[in-house]
Amino acid sequence: MSMTINEATTFIHDKAKEFGFKDLTFLPIRQNNRLRTCLGKFKYCGNDPISIELSGRLLKGASDDDIRQVCLHELAHAIVHELYGPCTKPHGQEFKDICEKIGCFHKGATNEVKFCGEAAADDYRYVLECPQCGNQWFYKTACKKIQFPDQYKCHCGCEELVSRKIGG
């Protein structure tokens, strides 16, 4: 069973406190079932953070590890907003630096997350694998991660990911 919105909220608030951002422990975390093109969203108005929204699809069908990565990604956006204000690039260098410090990927994970029961295994044509920890990411197309796996690394730190076509 996947992580609930309450568990995700606790995870985000605990991490905010752990990283020294107590103000973010009051940030509302909401489930948004309308999110289709992204898995999470940090919302703010001017200098004021408003909320973090997580896709209902993410909470319903993704693994806890994938949900945690999305939570950390959105928390990184909130931290960047706290430190540098609203005028920084959404995935700029400040964001990448924060992601590295808190241990999450700076690129979106929309194409990486495999949803249980949403698509049959034969819908995926490619797999990216970590030989060190066994992590796998499934793709329908030969995206950059499949074409250039040496440019990416796993959550465990392994930099020797292997890509292959499924069934061939």
C-alpha atoms as a PDB file:
ATOM      1  CA  MET A   1       0.000   0.000   0.000  1.00  0.00           C
ATOM      2  CA  SER A   2       1.234   3.496  -0.842  1.00  0.00           C
ATOM      3  CA  MET A   3       1.936   6.308   1.578  1.00  0.00           C
ATOM      4  CA  THR A   4      -1.110   8.334   2.664  1.00  0.00           C
ATOM      5  CA  ILE A   5      -1.353  12.123   2.510  1.00  0.00           C
ATOM      6  CA  ASN A   6      -0.989  12.230   6.321  1.00  0.00           C
ATOM      7  CA  GLU A   7       2.207  10.160   6.172  1.00  0.00           C
ATOM      8  CA  ALA A   8       3.538  12.374   3.367  1.00  0.00           C
ATOM      9  CA  THR A   9       2.732  15.470   5.429  1.00  0.00           C
ATOM     10  CA  THR A  10       4.582  14.081   8.443  1.00  0.00           C
ATOM     11  CA  PHE A  11       7.552  13.153   6.232  1.00  0.00           C
ATOM     12  CA  ILE A  12       7.775  16.645   4.679  1.00  0.00           C
ATOM     13  CA  HIS A  13       7.359  18.472   8.001  1.00  0.00           C
ATOM     14  CA  ASP A  14       9.923  16.226   9.742  1.00  0.00           C
ATOM     15  CA  LYS A  15      12.422  16.830   6.928  1.00  0.00           C
ATOM     16  CA  ALA A  16      11.798  20.602   7.022  1.00  0.00           C
ATOM     17  CA  LYS A  17      12.555  20.574  10.743  1.00  0.00           C
ATOM     18  CA  GLU A  18      15.601  18.321  10.233  1.00  0.00           C
ATOM     19  CA  PHE A  19      17.019  20.736   7.643  1.00  0.00           C
ATOM     20  CA  GLY A  20      16.424  23.754   9.918  1.00  0.00           C
ATOM     21  CA  PHE A  21      13.328  25.261   8.274  1.00  0.00           C
ATOM     22  CA  LYS A  22      10.810  25.243  11.145  1.00  0.00           C
ATOM     23  CA  ASP A  23       8.572  27.772   9.371  1.00  0.00           C
ATOM     24  CA  LEU A  24       7.908  25.176   6.678  1.00  0.00           C
ATOM     25  CA  THR A  25       6.560  22.709   9.251  1.00  0.00           C
ATOM     26  CA  PHE A  26       3.315  24.719   9.142  1.00  0.00           C
ATOM     27  CA  LEU A  27       3.028  24.512   5.360  1.00  0.00           C
ATOM     28  CA  PRO A  28      -0.184  22.684   4.373  1.00  0.00           C
ATOM     29  CA  ILE A  29       0.314  19.519   2.322  1.00  0.00           C
ATOM     30  CA  ARG A  30      -2.665  18.688   0.133  1.00  0.00           C
ATOM     31  CA  GLN A  31      -3.710  15.932  -2.222  1.00  0.00           C
ATOM     32  CA  ASN A  32      -4.710  17.250  -5.643  1.00  0.00           C
ATOM     33  CA  ASN A  33      -6.447  14.676  -7.842  1.00  0.00           C
ATOM     34  CA  ARG A  34      -6.456  17.096 -10.801  1.00  0.00           C
ATOM     35  CA  LEU A  35      -2.654  17.092 -11.224  1.00  0.00           C
ATOM     36  CA  ARG A  36      -2.021  15.186 -14.467  1.00  0.00           C
ATOM     37  CA  THR A  37       1.257  16.475 -15.910  1.00  0.00           C
ATOM     38  CA  CYS A  38       3.193  16.661 -12.652  1.00  0.00           C
ATOM     39  CA  LEU A  39       3.372  14.628  -9.465  1.00  0.00           C
ATOM     40  CA  GLY A  40       3.778  17.508  -7.050  1.00  0.00           C
ATOM     41  CA  LYS A  41       3.612  21.290  -6.926  1.00  0.00           C
ATOM     42  CA  PHE A  42       4.910  23.955  -4.547  1.00  0.00           C
ATOM     43  CA  LYS A  43       2.513  26.917  -4.508  1.00  0.00           C
ATOM     44  CA  TYR A  44       3.297  30.419  -3.313  1.00  0.00           C
ATOM     45  CA  CYS A  45       1.976  33.951  -3.644  1.00  0.00           C
ATOM     46  CA  GLY A  46       4.675  36.624  -3.687  1.00  0.00           C
ATOM     47  CA  ASN A  47       6.904  36.002  -0.682  1.00  0.00           C
ATOM     48  CA  ASP A  48       4.402  33.743   1.086  1.00  0.00           C
ATOM     49  CA  PRO A  49       4.453  29.958   0.667  1.00  0.00           C
ATOM     50  CA  ILE A  50       0.908  28.617   0.392  1.00  0.00           C
ATOM     51  CA  SER A  51       1.084  24.812   0.120  1.00  0.00           C
ATOM     52  CA  ILE A  52       2.633  21.720  -1.364  1.00  0.00           C
ATOM     53  CA  GLU A  53       0.266  19.639  -3.474  1.00  0.00           C
ATOM     54  CA  LEU A  54       0.810  15.970  -4.242  1.00  0.00           C
ATOM     55  CA  SER A  55      -0.913  14.146  -7.074  1.00  0.00           C
ATOM     56  CA  GLY A  56      -3.607  11.707  -6.028  1.00  0.00           C
ATOM     57  CA  ARG A  57      -2.277   9.406  -8.732  1.00  0.00           C
ATOM     58  CA  LEU A  58       1.156   9.490  -7.043  1.00  0.00           C
ATOM     59  CA  LEU A  59      -0.256   8.705  -3.598  1.00  0.00           C
ATOM     60  CA  LYS A  60      -2.497   5.956  -4.934  1.00  0.00           C
ATOM     61  CA  GLY A  61      -0.093   3.980  -7.075  1.00  0.00           C
ATOM     62  CA  ALA A  62       3.576   4.865  -6.583  1.00  0.00           C
ATOM     63  CA  SER A  63       6.065   3.251  -4.240  1.00  0.00           C
ATOM     64  CA  ASP A  64       6.871   4.922  -0.922  1.00  0.00           C
ATOM     65  CA  ASP A  65      10.419   5.635  -2.159  1.00  0.00           C
ATOM     66  CA  ASP A  66       9.085   7.461  -5.225  1.00  0.00           C
ATOM     67  CA  ILE A  67       6.618   9.418  -3.079  1.00  0.00           C
ATOM     68  CA  ARG A  68       9.447  10.427  -0.719  1.00  0.00           C
ATOM     69  CA  GLN A  69      11.529  11.652  -3.687  1.00  0.00           C
ATOM     70  CA  VAL A  70       8.636  13.803  -4.941  1.00  0.00           C
ATOM     71  CA  CYS A  71       8.076  15.134  -1.401  1.00  0.00           C
ATOM     72  CA  LEU A  72      11.770  16.062  -1.098  1.00  0.00           C
ATOM     73  CA  HIS A  73      11.699  17.660  -4.556  1.00  0.00           C
ATOM     74  CA  GLU A  74       8.767  19.887  -3.583  1.00  0.00           C
ATOM     75  CA  LEU A  75      10.336  20.638  -0.195  1.00  0.00           C
ATOM     76  CA  ALA A  76      13.478  21.741  -2.064  1.00  0.00           C
ATOM     77  CA  HIS A  77      11.331  24.251  -3.985  1.00  0.00           C
ATOM     78  CA  ALA A  78       9.962  25.568  -0.671  1.00  0.00           C
ATOM     79  CA  ILE A  79      13.468  25.855   0.820  1.00  0.00           C
ATOM     80  CA  VAL A  80      14.743  27.734  -2.244  1.00  0.00           C
ATOM     81  CA  HIS A  81      11.771  30.090  -1.919  1.00  0.00           C
ATOM     82  CA  GLU A  82      12.580  30.657   1.777  1.00  0.00           C
ATOM     83  CA  LEU A  83      16.280  31.284   1.126  1.00  0.00           C
ATOM     84  CA  TYR A  84      16.263  33.170  -2.173  1.00  0.00           C
ATOM     85  CA  GLY A  85      12.725  34.470  -2.680  1.00  0.00           C
ATOM     86  CA  PRO A  86      10.263  33.992  -5.530  1.00  0.00           C
ATOM     87  CA  CYS A  87      12.476  35.331  -8.324  1.00  0.00           C
ATOM     88  CA  THR A  88      14.803  32.334  -8.627  1.00  0.00           C
ATOM     89  CA  LYS A  89      14.544  29.929 -11.546  1.00  0.00           C
ATOM     90  CA  PRO A  90      12.361  26.913 -10.632  1.00  0.00           C
ATOM     91  CA  HIS A  91      15.129  24.407 -11.453  1.00  0.00           C
ATOM     92  CA  GLY A  92      18.103  26.768 -11.387  1.00  0.00           C
ATOM     93  CA  GLN A  93      21.472  26.310  -9.704  1.00  0.00           C
ATOM     94  CA  GLU A  94      20.174  27.264  -6.244  1.00  0.00           C
ATOM     95  CA  PHE A  95      17.533  24.554  -6.535  1.00  0.00           C
ATOM     96  CA  LYS A  96      20.055  21.967  -7.727  1.00  0.00           C
ATOM     97  CA  ASP A  97      22.346  22.810  -4.795  1.00  0.00           C
ATOM     98  CA  ILE A  98      19.509  22.382  -2.276  1.00  0.00           C
ATOM     99  CA  CYS A  99      18.477  19.086  -3.885  1.00  0.00           C
ATOM    100  CA  GLU A 100      22.007  17.786  -3.506  1.00  0.00           C
ATOM    101  CA  LYS A 101      22.098  18.822   0.165  1.00  0.00           C
ATOM    102  CA  ILE A 102      18.804  17.155   1.055  1.00  0.00           C
ATOM    103  CA  GLY A 103      19.289  14.067  -1.113  1.00  0.00           C
ATOM    104  CA  CYS A 104      16.773  14.280  -3.917  1.00  0.00           C
ATOM    105  CA  PHE A 105      16.885  14.488  -7.687  1.00  0.00           C
ATOM    106  CA  HIS A 106      16.629  17.977  -9.120  1.00  0.00           C
ATOM    107  CA  LYS A 107      14.893  16.843 -12.290  1.00  0.00           C
ATOM    108  CA  GLY A 108      11.215  16.001 -12.237  1.00  0.00           C
ATOM    109  CA  ALA A 109      10.347  12.353 -11.757  1.00  0.00           C
ATOM    110  CA  THR A 110       7.133  12.273 -13.793  1.00  0.00           C
ATOM    111  CA  ASN A 111       8.617   9.936 -16.405  1.00  0.00           C
ATOM    112  CA  GLU A 112      10.451   7.780 -13.858  1.00  0.00           C
ATOM    113  CA  VAL A 113       7.717   6.771 -11.449  1.00  0.00           C
ATOM    114  CA  LYS A 114       6.087   3.452 -12.203  1.00  0.00           C
ATOM    115  CA  PHE A 115       2.483   3.251 -11.071  1.00  0.00           C
ATOM    116  CA  CYS A 116       1.248  -0.098  -9.822  1.00  0.00           C
ATOM    117  CA  GLY A 117      -1.734  -1.330 -11.798  1.00  0.00           C
ATOM    118  CA  GLU A 118      -1.882   1.706 -14.085  1.00  0.00           C
ATOM    119  CA  ALA A 119      -0.162   0.170 -17.073  1.00  0.00           C
ATOM    120  CA  ALA A 120       0.751  -3.372 -17.907  1.00  0.00           C
ATOM    121  CA  ALA A 121       4.439  -4.234 -17.910  1.00  0.00           C
ATOM    122  CA  ASP A 122       4.358  -4.697 -21.691  1.00  0.00           C
ATOM    123  CA  ASP A 123       3.410  -1.005 -22.056  1.00  0.00           C
ATOM    124  CA  TYR A 124       7.015  -0.208 -21.156  1.00  0.00           C
ATOM    125  CA  ARG A 125       9.667  -0.746 -23.817  1.00  0.00           C
ATOM    126  CA  TYR A 126      12.809   0.323 -21.919  1.00  0.00           C
ATOM    127  CA  VAL A 127      14.272  -0.110 -18.471  1.00  0.00           C
ATOM    128  CA  LEU A 128      17.052   1.746 -16.661  1.00  0.00           C
ATOM    129  CA  GLU A 129      18.646  -0.356 -13.921  1.00  0.00           C
ATOM    130  CA  CYS A 130      21.082   0.191 -11.067  1.00  0.00           C
ATOM    131  CA  PRO A 131      23.452  -2.783 -10.788  1.00  0.00           C
ATOM    132  CA  GLN A 132      24.334  -1.794  -7.222  1.00  0.00           C
ATOM    133  CA  CYS A 133      20.928  -1.680  -5.497  1.00  0.00           C
ATOM    134  CA  GLY A 134      18.622  -3.194  -8.137  1.00  0.00           C
ATOM    135  CA  ASN A 135      16.459  -0.075  -8.584  1.00  0.00           C
ATOM    136  CA  GLN A 136      14.577  -0.013 -11.893  1.00  0.00           C
ATOM    137  CA  TRP A 137      12.844   2.772 -13.820  1.00  0.00           C
ATOM    138  CA  PHE A 138      10.550   1.929 -16.719  1.00  0.00           C
ATOM    139  CA  TYR A 139       9.990   4.066 -19.824  1.00  0.00           C
ATOM    140  CA  LYS A 140       7.749   3.909 -22.853  1.00  0.00           C
ATOM    141  CA  THR A 141      10.191   5.770 -25.103  1.00  0.00           C
ATOM    142  CA  ALA A 142      13.965   5.880 -25.552  1.00  0.00           C
ATOM    143  CA  CYS A 143      14.359   9.134 -23.609  1.00  0.00           C
ATOM    144  CA  LYS A 144      17.704  10.725 -22.728  1.00  0.00           C
ATOM    145  CA  LYS A 145      18.089   8.548 -19.640  1.00  0.00           C
ATOM    146  CA  ILE A 146      17.826   5.433 -21.798  1.00  0.00           C
ATOM    147  CA  GLN A 147      20.126   6.832 -24.491  1.00  0.00           C
ATOM    148  CA  PHE A 148      22.744   8.266 -22.116  1.00  0.00           C
ATOM    149  CA  PRO A 149      22.551   6.358 -18.803  1.00  0.00           C
ATOM    150  CA  ASP A 150      26.127   7.376 -17.931  1.00  0.00           C
ATOM    151  CA  GLN A 151      24.878  10.952 -17.375  1.00  0.00           C
ATOM    152  CA  TYR A 152      22.612   9.928 -14.480  1.00  0.00           C
ATOM    153  CA  LYS A 153      23.006   8.321 -11.075  1.00  0.00           C
ATOM    154  CA  CYS A 154      20.825   6.293  -8.750  1.00  0.00           C
ATOM    155  CA  HIS A 155      19.489   7.330  -5.327  1.00  0.00           C
ATOM    156  CA  CYS A 156      22.126   5.018  -3.820  1.00  0.00           C
ATOM    157  CA  GLY A 157      24.916   7.011  -5.486  1.00  0.00           C
ATOM    158  CA  CYS A 158      25.806   4.472  -8.182  1.00  0.00           C
ATOM    159  CA  GLU A 159      26.881   6.213 -11.385  1.00  0.00           C
ATOM    160  CA  GLU A 160      26.951   3.143 -13.634  1.00  0.00           C
ATOM    161  CA  LEU A 161      23.309   2.762 -14.609  1.00  0.00           C
ATOM    162  CA  VAL A 162      22.456   0.314 -17.390  1.00  0.00           C
ATOM    163  CA  SER A 163      19.690   0.779 -19.948  1.00  0.00           C
ATOM    164  CA  ARG A 164      18.151  -1.883 -22.146  1.00  0.00           C
ATOM    165  CA  LYS A 165      15.183  -2.546 -24.351  1.00  0.00           C
ATOM    166  CA  ILE A 166      12.648  -4.880 -22.761  1.00  0.00           C
ATOM    167  CA  GLY A 167      12.158  -8.083 -24.679  1.00  0.00           C
ATOM    168  CA  GLY A 168      15.042  -7.420 -27.008  1.00  0.00           C
END
